[in-house]
Amino acid sequence: MPDLDPDTDGPLRERIRVIDDDEVHGWAARFGVTPEDVRAAVKVVGDRAVDVQEYLHSHHASNGSDH
């Protein structure tokens, strides 16, 4: 996944480590959602960033969220 860059301490990362609060906050900022949204999405679709991004995009678009 070449366009995802959540984490400043290493190369492009494809998986979201929900045990790392700073990383979750980074992903949340990247996706334009809350950290809680990121954690909830990981529970549903797993930790692959592309899957989380697609889920959040479709979930927030379908429920009219401003995230």
Protein backbone atom coordinates (compact mmCIF):
# COMPACT_ATOMS: atom_id res chain seq x y z
CA MET A 1 0.00 0.00 0.00
CA PRO A 2 2.19 2.81 -1.25
CA ASP A 3 0.15 5.82 -0.17
CA LEU A 4 -0.29 5.00 3.52
CA ASP A 5 2.27 6.54 5.87
CA PRO A 6 0.99 6.36 9.44
CA ASP A 7 4.11 6.07 11.43
CA THR A 8 7.15 8.31 11.58
CA ASP A 9 9.61 5.79 12.99
CA GLY A 10 9.90 3.43 10.06
CA PRO A 11 9.06 2.65 6.47
CA LEU A 12 5.56 2.72 5.13
CA ARG A 13 3.44 0.50 7.31
CA GLU A 14 0.57 -1.63 6.07
CA ARG A 15 -0.77 -2.78 9.43
CA ILE A 16 -2.22 -0.83 12.31
CA ARG A 17 -0.90 -1.63 15.77
CA VAL A 18 -3.82 -0.76 18.03
CA ILE A 19 -1.69 -1.36 21.13
CA ASP A 20 0.35 1.74 20.20
CA ASP A 21 -1.72 4.83 21.09
CA ASP A 22 0.54 7.20 19.14
CA GLU A 23 0.22 5.07 16.04
CA VAL A 24 -3.58 4.85 16.39
CA HIS A 25 -3.71 8.64 16.70
CA GLY A 26 -1.55 8.95 13.59
CA TRP A 27 -3.85 6.67 11.61
CA ALA A 28 -6.90 8.52 12.92
CA ALA A 29 -5.47 11.81 11.69
CA ARG A 30 -4.57 10.22 8.36
CA PHE A 31 -8.10 8.86 7.89
CA GLY A 32 -9.89 11.91 9.33
CA VAL A 33 -11.62 9.95 12.09
CA THR A 34 -11.25 9.45 15.83
CA PRO A 35 -8.87 6.93 17.39
CA GLU A 36 -11.94 5.09 18.65
CA ASP A 37 -13.18 4.80 15.05
CA VAL A 38 -9.84 3.27 14.03
CA ARG A 39 -9.94 0.73 16.87
CA ALA A 40 -13.55 -0.18 16.08
CA ALA A 41 -12.73 -0.65 12.39
CA VAL A 42 -9.76 -2.89 13.23
CA LYS A 43 -12.09 -5.07 15.30
CA VAL A 44 -14.39 -5.46 12.29
CA VAL A 45 -11.97 -5.83 9.36
CA GLY A 46 -8.59 -6.62 10.91
CA ASP A 47 -5.40 -4.59 11.08
CA ARG A 48 -4.59 -4.12 7.39
CA ALA A 49 -4.56 -0.36 6.83
CA VAL A 50 -6.14 -0.56 3.38
CA ASP A 51 -9.05 -2.60 4.76
CA VAL A 52 -9.52 -0.18 7.65
CA GLN A 53 -9.41 2.79 5.28
CA GLU A 54 -12.01 1.24 2.96
CA TYR A 55 -14.25 0.32 5.89
CA LEU A 56 -14.06 3.78 7.42
CA HIS A 57 -14.73 5.44 4.08
CA SER A 58 -17.78 3.31 3.36
CA HIS A 59 -19.04 3.34 6.96
CA HIS A 60 -18.79 7.09 7.40
CA ALA A 61 -20.15 7.83 3.93
CA SER A 62 -23.18 5.62 4.55
CA ASN A 63 -24.07 7.04 7.94
CA GLY A 64 -23.57 10.71 7.07
CA SER A 65 -20.76 11.23 9.57
CA ASP A 66 -18.69 14.37 9.27
CA HIS A 67 -15.48 12.47 10.01
